[in-house]
C-alpha atoms as a PDB file:
ATOM      1  CA  MET A   1     -58.070 107.384  91.140  1.00  0.00           C
ATOM      2  CA  ASP A   2     -58.572 110.950  90.832  1.00  0.00           C
ATOM      3  CA  TRP A   3     -59.195 111.200  94.671  1.00  0.00           C
ATOM      4  CA  LEU A   4     -55.725 109.681  95.179  1.00  0.00           C
ATOM      5  CA  GLN A   5     -53.904 111.947  93.364  1.00  0.00           C
ATOM      6  CA  ASP A   6     -56.021 114.760  94.990  1.00  0.00           C
ATOM      7  CA  ILE A   7     -54.739 113.526  98.292  1.00  0.00           C
ATOM      8  CA  LEU A   8     -51.062 112.455  97.280  1.00  0.00           C
ATOM      9  CA  ALA A   9     -50.027 115.480  95.908  1.00  0.00           C
ATOM     10  CA  PRO A  10     -50.401 117.777  98.938  1.00  0.00           C
ATOM     11  CA  LEU A  11     -49.287 115.227 101.197  1.00  0.00           C
ATOM     12  CA  ILE A  12     -45.983 114.786  98.869  1.00  0.00           C
ATOM     13  CA  VAL A  13     -45.716 118.658  99.093  1.00  0.00           C
ATOM     14  CA  LEU A  14     -46.355 118.651 102.648  1.00  0.00           C
ATOM     15  CA  LEU A  15     -43.575 115.970 103.076  1.00  0.00           C
ATOM     16  CA  ILE A  16     -41.286 117.812 101.240  1.00  0.00           C
ATOM     17  CA  ALA A  17     -41.649 120.840 103.136  1.00  0.00           C
ATOM     18  CA  ALA A  18     -41.390 119.471 106.669  1.00  0.00           C
ATOM     19  CA  MET A  19     -38.325 117.773 105.401  1.00  0.00           C
ATOM     20  CA  VAL A  20     -36.812 120.993 103.952  1.00  0.00           C
ATOM     21  CA  THR A  21     -37.725 122.753 107.316  1.00  0.00           C
ATOM     22  CA  ALA A  22     -36.188 120.004 109.302  1.00  0.00           C
ATOM     23  CA  ILE A  23     -33.036 119.866 107.473  1.00  0.00           C
ATOM     24  CA  LEU A  24     -33.027 124.102 107.727  1.00  0.00           C
ATOM     25  CA  SER A  25     -33.525 123.580 111.338  1.00  0.00           C
ATOM     26  CA  ILE A  26     -30.629 120.982 111.693  1.00  0.00           C
ATOM     27  CA  VAL A  27     -28.548 123.672 109.694  1.00  0.00           C
ATOM     28  CA  GLY A  28     -29.320 126.540 111.662  1.00  0.00           C
ATOM     29  CA  TYR A  29     -28.896 124.690 115.175  1.00  0.00           C
ATOM     30  CA  SER A  30     -25.355 123.747 113.793  1.00  0.00           C
ATOM     31  CA  ILE A  31     -24.546 127.322 112.859  1.00  0.00           C
ATOM     32  CA  ARG A  32     -25.573 128.922 116.338  1.00  0.00           C
ATOM     33  CA  SER A  33     -24.140 125.907 117.941  1.00  0.00           C
ATOM     34  CA  ARG A  34     -20.647 126.747 116.343  1.00  0.00           C
ATOM     35  CA  LYS A  35     -21.044 130.532 117.070  1.00  0.00           C
ATOM     36  CA  GLU A  36     -21.882 130.191 120.363  1.00  0.00           C
ATOM     37  CA  GLU A  37     -18.989 127.704 121.345  1.00  0.00           C
ATOM     38  CA  SER A  38     -16.810 130.065 119.248  1.00  0.00           C
ATOM     39  CA  ARG A  39     -17.890 132.921 121.493  1.00  0.00           C
ATOM     40  CA  VAL A  40     -17.534 130.932 124.736  1.00  0.00           C
ATOM     41  CA  SER A  41     -13.931 129.944 123.954  1.00  0.00           C
ATOM     42  CA  GLN A  42     -13.101 133.752 122.689  1.00  0.00           C
ATOM     43  CA  GLN A  43     -14.887 134.978 126.065  1.00  0.00           C
ATOM     44  CA  LYS A  44     -12.465 132.170 127.872  1.00  0.00           C
ATOM     45  CA  LEU A  45      -9.518 133.466 125.815  1.00  0.00           C
ATOM     46  CA  ASN A  46     -10.002 137.182 127.065  1.00  0.00           C
ATOM     47  CA  GLU A  47     -10.844 135.909 130.709  1.00  0.00           C
ATOM     48  CA  GLU A  48      -7.054 134.169 130.357  1.00  0.00           C
ATOM     49  CA  ARG A  49      -5.622 137.149 128.750  1.00  0.00           C
ATOM     50  CA  ARG A  50      -6.925 139.561 131.384  1.00  0.00           C
ATOM     51  CA  ASN A  51      -5.729 137.429 134.349  1.00  0.00           C
ATOM     52  CA  THR A  52      -2.266 136.880 132.585  1.00  0.00           C
ATOM     53  CA  TYR A  53      -2.106 140.863 132.027  1.00  0.00           C
ATOM     54  CA  ARG A  54      -2.633 141.255 135.647  1.00  0.00           C
ATOM     55  CA  LYS A  55       0.040 138.770 136.800  1.00  0.00           C
ATOM     56  CA  ILE A  56       2.521 140.227 134.407  1.00  0.00           C
ATOM     57  CA  ILE A  57       1.755 144.081 135.518  1.00  0.00           C
ATOM     58  CA  SER A  58       1.270 143.354 139.055  1.00  0.00           C
ATOM     59  CA  PRO A  59       5.257 143.807 140.391  1.00  0.00           C
ATOM     60  CA  TYR A  60       5.445 146.888 138.316  1.00  0.00           C
ATOM     61  CA  ILE A  61       2.567 148.339 139.870  1.00  0.00           C
ATOM     62  CA  GLY A  62       4.198 147.531 143.514  1.00  0.00           C
ATOM     63  CA  MET A  63       7.630 149.099 142.116  1.00  0.00           C
ATOM     64  CA  PHE A  64       5.996 152.267 140.957  1.00  0.00           C
ATOM     65  CA  THR A  65       4.039 152.770 143.988  1.00  0.00           C
ATOM     66  CA  GLY A  66       7.057 152.247 145.971  1.00  0.00           C
ATOM     67  CA  ILE A  67       9.450 154.047 143.724  1.00  0.00           C
ATOM     68  CA  LYS A  68      11.173 155.711 146.846  1.00  0.00           C
ATOM     69  CA  ASP A  69      11.218 152.851 149.027  1.00  0.00           C
ATOM     70  CA  LYS A  70      14.105 150.902 147.884  1.00  0.00           C
ATOM     71  CA  GLU A  71      12.760 147.971 150.094  1.00  0.00           C
ATOM     72  CA  GLY A  72       9.644 147.931 147.984  1.00  0.00           C
ATOM     73  CA  THR A  73      11.488 148.416 144.798  1.00  0.00           C
ATOM     74  CA  ALA A  74      13.759 145.201 145.910  1.00  0.00           C
ATOM     75  CA  LYS A  75      10.428 143.103 146.361  1.00  0.00           C
ATOM     76  CA  ALA A  76       9.252 144.208 142.922  1.00  0.00           C
ATOM     77  CA  LEU A  77      12.289 142.940 141.282  1.00  0.00           C
ATOM     78  CA  ASP A  78      12.396 139.903 143.244  1.00  0.00           C
ATOM     79  CA  LYS A  79       8.941 139.320 142.186  1.00  0.00           C
ATOM     80  CA  ILE A  80       9.252 139.987 138.872  1.00  0.00           C
ATOM     81  CA  LYS A  81      12.663 137.285 138.748  1.00  0.00           C
ATOM     82  CA  SER A  82      10.019 134.516 140.338  1.00  0.00           C
ATOM     83  CA  PRO A  83       8.914 131.476 138.988  1.00  0.00           C
ATOM     84  CA  GLU A  84       5.548 132.436 139.069  1.00  0.00           C
ATOM     85  CA  HIS A  85       6.279 135.531 137.081  1.00  0.00           C
ATOM     86  CA  LYS A  86       7.986 133.639 134.455  1.00  0.00           C
ATOM     87  CA  GLU A  87       5.046 131.440 134.462  1.00  0.00           C
ATOM     88  CA  ALA A  88       3.010 134.370 133.887  1.00  0.00           C
ATOM     89  CA  VAL A  89       5.254 135.280 130.843  1.00  0.00           C
ATOM     90  CA  PHE A  90       4.772 131.902 129.436  1.00  0.00           C
ATOM     91  CA  ASP A  91       1.107 132.627 129.384  1.00  0.00           C
ATOM     92  CA  LEU A  92       1.677 135.841 127.774  1.00  0.00           C
ATOM     93  CA  ILE A  93       3.513 134.223 125.033  1.00  0.00           C
ATOM     94  CA  PHE A  94       0.753 131.782 124.566  1.00  0.00           C
ATOM     95  CA  PHE A  95      -2.632 133.803 125.064  1.00  0.00           C
ATOM     96  CA  GLY A  96      -1.585 137.523 124.783  1.00  0.00           C
ATOM     97  CA  SER A  97      -1.957 139.476 121.562  1.00  0.00           C
ATOM     98  CA  ASP A  98       0.832 139.716 119.190  1.00  0.00           C
ATOM     99  CA  ASN A  99       1.234 143.494 120.056  1.00  0.00           C
ATOM    100  CA  VAL A 100       0.938 143.118 123.830  1.00  0.00           C
ATOM    101  CA  VAL A 101       3.740 140.324 123.318  1.00  0.00           C
ATOM    102  CA  LYS A 102       6.015 142.744 121.314  1.00  0.00           C
ATOM    103  CA  ALA A 103       5.357 145.638 123.735  1.00  0.00           C
ATOM    104  CA  HIS A 104       6.765 143.312 126.480  1.00  0.00           C
ATOM    105  CA  ASN A 105       9.375 142.104 124.509  1.00  0.00           C
ATOM    106  CA  ALA A 106      10.672 145.441 123.541  1.00  0.00           C
ATOM    107  CA  LEU A 107      10.697 146.491 127.568  1.00  0.00           C
ATOM    108  CA  PHE A 108      12.814 143.262 128.379  1.00  0.00           C
ATOM    109  CA  GLN A 109      15.076 143.592 125.699  1.00  0.00           C
ATOM    110  CA  TYR A 110      15.814 147.251 126.282  1.00  0.00           C
ATOM    111  CA  ALA A 111      16.271 146.199 130.012  1.00  0.00           C
ATOM    112  CA  TYR A 112      18.922 143.306 129.059  1.00  0.00           C
ATOM    113  CA  LYS A 113      20.643 145.997 126.947  1.00  0.00           C
ATOM    114  CA  ASP A 114      20.350 148.959 129.423  1.00  0.00           C
ATOM    115  CA  ASP A 115      23.187 150.739 127.670  1.00  0.00           C
ATOM    116  CA  ALA A 116      25.206 152.445 130.415  1.00  0.00           C
ATOM    117  CA  GLY A 117      26.249 155.133 127.721  1.00  0.00           C
ATOM    118  CA  GLU A 118      22.875 156.704 127.878  1.00  0.00           C
ATOM    119  CA  SER A 119      22.158 159.301 130.701  1.00  0.00           C
ATOM    120  CA  SER A 120      19.931 158.351 133.280  1.00  0.00           C
ATOM    121  CA  GLU A 121      17.163 160.515 132.153  1.00  0.00           C
ATOM    122  CA  LEU A 122      17.280 159.221 128.668  1.00  0.00           C
ATOM    123  CA  ARG A 123      17.089 155.739 130.111  1.00  0.00           C
ATOM    124  CA  GLY A 124      14.050 156.614 132.610  1.00  0.00           C
ATOM    125  CA  LEU A 125      12.246 158.294 129.534  1.00  0.00           C
ATOM    126  CA  MET A 126      12.815 154.906 127.418  1.00  0.00           C
ATOM    127  CA  TYR A 127      11.587 152.650 130.585  1.00  0.00           C
ATOM    128  CA  MET A 128       8.627 154.857 130.906  1.00  0.00           C
ATOM    129  CA  ARG A 129       8.087 155.051 126.988  1.00  0.00           C
ATOM    130  CA  LEU A 130       8.158 151.232 126.725  1.00  0.00           C
ATOM    131  CA  TRP A 131       6.153 150.528 130.160  1.00  0.00           C
ATOM    132  CA  GLY A 132       3.267 153.108 128.514  1.00  0.00           C
ATOM    133  CA  THR A 133       3.434 151.441 125.244  1.00  0.00           C
ATOM    134  CA  LEU A 134       2.906 147.977 127.132  1.00  0.00           C
ATOM    135  CA  LEU A 135      -0.179 149.376 128.979  1.00  0.00           C
ATOM    136  CA  LEU A 136      -1.524 150.996 125.801  1.00  0.00           C
ATOM    137  CA  GLU A 137      -1.257 147.754 124.021  1.00  0.00           C
ATOM    138  CA  ILE A 138      -3.055 145.739 126.905  1.00  0.00           C
ATOM    139  CA  ARG A 139      -5.895 148.630 126.838  1.00  0.00           C
ATOM    140  CA  LYS A 140      -6.360 148.116 123.167  1.00  0.00           C
ATOM    141  CA  ASP A 141      -6.680 144.271 123.601  1.00  0.00           C
ATOM    142  CA  VAL A 142      -9.163 144.158 126.218  1.00  0.00           C
ATOM    143  CA  GLY A 143     -11.486 146.083 123.820  1.00  0.00           C
ATOM    144  CA  ASN A 144     -10.419 149.703 123.584  1.00  0.00           C
ATOM    145  CA  LYS A 145      -9.281 149.253 120.050  1.00  0.00           C
ATOM    146  CA  ASP A 146      -9.934 152.807 119.248  1.00  0.00           C
ATOM    147  CA  THR A 147      -8.058 154.698 121.839  1.00  0.00           C
ATOM    148  CA  LYS A 148      -6.885 158.168 121.340  1.00  0.00           C
ATOM    149  CA  LEU A 149      -4.304 157.980 124.242  1.00  0.00           C
ATOM    150  CA  ASP A 150      -0.456 157.522 123.762  1.00  0.00           C
ATOM    151  CA  GLU A 151       1.966 155.773 126.022  1.00  0.00           C
ATOM    152  CA  PHE A 152       2.383 158.757 128.219  1.00  0.00           C
ATOM    153  CA  ASP A 153      -1.152 159.436 128.625  1.00  0.00           C
ATOM    154  CA  MET A 154      -0.969 155.586 130.440  1.00  0.00           C
ATOM    155  CA  LEU A 155       1.263 156.876 132.675  1.00  0.00           C
ATOM    156  CA  ARG A 156      -0.390 160.491 133.430  1.00  0.00           C
ATOM    157  CA  TRP A 157      -1.759 159.110 136.720  1.00  0.00           C
ATOM    158  CA  LEU A 158       1.440 157.683 137.894  1.00  0.00           C
ATOM    159  CA  ILE A 159       3.809 160.300 137.294  1.00  0.00           C
ATOM    160  CA  ARG A 160       3.913 163.683 138.767  1.00  0.00           C
ATOM    161  CA  ASP A 161       6.234 165.301 136.443  1.00  0.00           C
ATOM    162  CA  ILE A 162       5.399 163.748 133.118  1.00  0.00           C
ATOM    163  CA  ASP A 163       5.160 166.831 131.487  1.00  0.00           C
ATOM    164  CA  LYS A 164       9.316 167.036 131.828  1.00  0.00           C
ATOM    165  CA  LEU A 165       9.401 163.493 130.200  1.00  0.00           C
ATOM    166  CA  GLU A 166       6.905 164.506 127.411  1.00  0.00           C
ATOM    167  CA  HIS A 167       9.049 167.552 126.920  1.00  0.00           C
ATOM    168  CA  THR A 168      12.080 165.106 126.775  1.00  0.00           C
ATOM    169  CA  LYS A 169      10.352 163.300 124.198  1.00  0.00           C
ATOM    170  CA  ASP A 170       9.674 166.360 121.970  1.00  0.00           C
ATOM    171  CA  ARG A 171      13.623 167.038 122.047  1.00  0.00           C
ATOM    172  CA  GLU A 172      14.482 163.462 120.739  1.00  0.00           C
ATOM    173  CA  ARG A 173      12.432 164.044 117.595  1.00  0.00           C
END
């Protein structure tokens, strides 16, 4: 009987160790699987956001690159009013970050109100500031969270006399 105890005790320990290893392996696999699923889901969301952001800003790029061309501006405005652009805005509301949605809404709310009592210089400054803010929030959302840029830095490539706008910004404060 002693030989049975000598064999049985190590077999039980081995069996318990194998069961614990199997359980830990299953738990580990489950955790890795969930993390991978979450990563893939986040990756798809980020891709959807980037595509949506491109669709949202595309007509504005056309507008700003052809600012002196009335026909180009009219085409860009038509594109902004198009069903495709409105669909992109719905996508923005569902997939965009909170700050990007708020920046986009602020731009459109200003456009809806567009106070004719303001000087055209002030209106232009507000549009540029709101457009720059939208671009900045998109930049932050796609991975540059700690950016040190401001809304005017986002537009420096686009506006030749941006220093005048910044000067107007400083007078407002």
